Amino acid sequence: MDERTIKILDKCEAMSLLSTKTSSHWSFIKLMLQFPLILTSSVMCILNSFDNNGDSNMKIPNIG
């Protein structure tokens, strides 16, 4: 292989590694932003299932 081909292969390998690291980084950020939304949605669903007619009985939570 000539020198030009080796340089191009090295650049492609570096770009592949950078793309993989970037993808995993933004995937982690996305997960961290979605976790509070899932948690608050579940809590609101449970709070919404409380019976407000004076009884202290709670309905079965419908989380799904």
Protein backbone atom coordinates (compact mmCIF):
# COMPACT_ATOMS: atom_id res chain seq x y z
CA MET A 1 0.00 0.00 0.00
CA ASP A 2 1.20 3.45 -0.70
CA GLU A 3 1.58 6.24 1.83
CA ARG A 4 -1.60 8.05 0.77
CA THR A 5 -3.76 4.95 1.35
CA ILE A 6 -2.26 4.39 4.80
CA LYS A 7 -2.98 8.01 5.79
CA ILE A 8 -6.59 7.70 4.62
CA LEU A 9 -7.04 4.44 6.57
CA ASP A 10 -5.60 6.06 9.71
CA LYS A 11 -7.97 9.01 9.36
CA CYS A 12 -10.92 6.67 8.86
CA GLU A 13 -9.99 4.69 11.96
CA ALA A 14 -9.69 7.87 14.04
CA MET A 15 -13.05 9.13 12.76
CA SER A 16 -14.67 5.79 13.57
CA LEU A 17 -13.36 5.88 17.14
CA LEU A 18 -14.48 9.49 17.61
CA SER A 19 -17.95 8.70 16.25
CA THR A 20 -18.31 5.73 18.60
CA LYS A 21 -17.26 7.77 21.65
CA THR A 22 -19.57 10.63 20.65
CA SER A 23 -22.50 8.27 20.18
CA SER A 24 -22.03 6.67 23.59
CA HIS A 25 -21.64 10.09 25.26
CA TRP A 26 -24.87 11.50 23.81
CA SER A 27 -26.69 8.25 24.50
CA PHE A 28 -25.74 8.62 28.18
CA ILE A 29 -26.91 12.27 28.19
CA LYS A 30 -30.23 11.21 26.63
CA LEU A 31 -30.69 8.50 29.27
CA MET A 32 -29.99 10.95 32.10
CA LEU A 33 -32.59 13.37 30.69
CA GLN A 34 -35.23 10.68 30.22
CA PHE A 35 -34.86 9.11 33.67
CA PRO A 36 -36.43 12.04 35.61
CA LEU A 37 -39.31 12.14 33.13
CA ILE A 38 -40.07 8.45 33.64
CA LEU A 39 -39.77 8.81 37.41
CA THR A 40 -42.06 11.86 37.64
CA SER A 41 -44.57 10.26 35.30
CA SER A 42 -44.74 7.16 37.51
CA VAL A 43 -45.09 9.24 40.68
CA MET A 44 -47.84 11.37 39.14
CA CYS A 45 -49.69 8.22 38.04
CA ILE A 46 -49.56 6.82 41.59
CA LEU A 47 -50.65 10.15 43.11
CA ASN A 48 -53.48 10.36 40.59
CA SER A 49 -54.76 6.97 41.71
CA PHE A 50 -55.47 8.15 45.27
CA ASP A 51 -59.17 8.20 46.15
CA ASN A 52 -60.30 11.69 47.22
CA ASN A 53 -63.69 10.85 48.73
CA GLY A 54 -62.44 10.74 52.33
CA ASP A 55 -61.40 7.12 52.45
CA SER A 56 -57.75 6.45 52.92
CA ASN A 57 -57.87 3.55 50.48
CA MET A 58 -55.68 3.77 47.48
CA LYS A 59 -56.67 2.40 44.09
CA ILE A 60 -54.40 -0.10 42.42
CA PRO A 61 -51.80 1.96 40.56
CA ASN A 62 -52.08 1.62 36.81
CA ILE A 63 -48.49 2.13 35.71
CA GLY A 64 -47.86 1.00 32.22
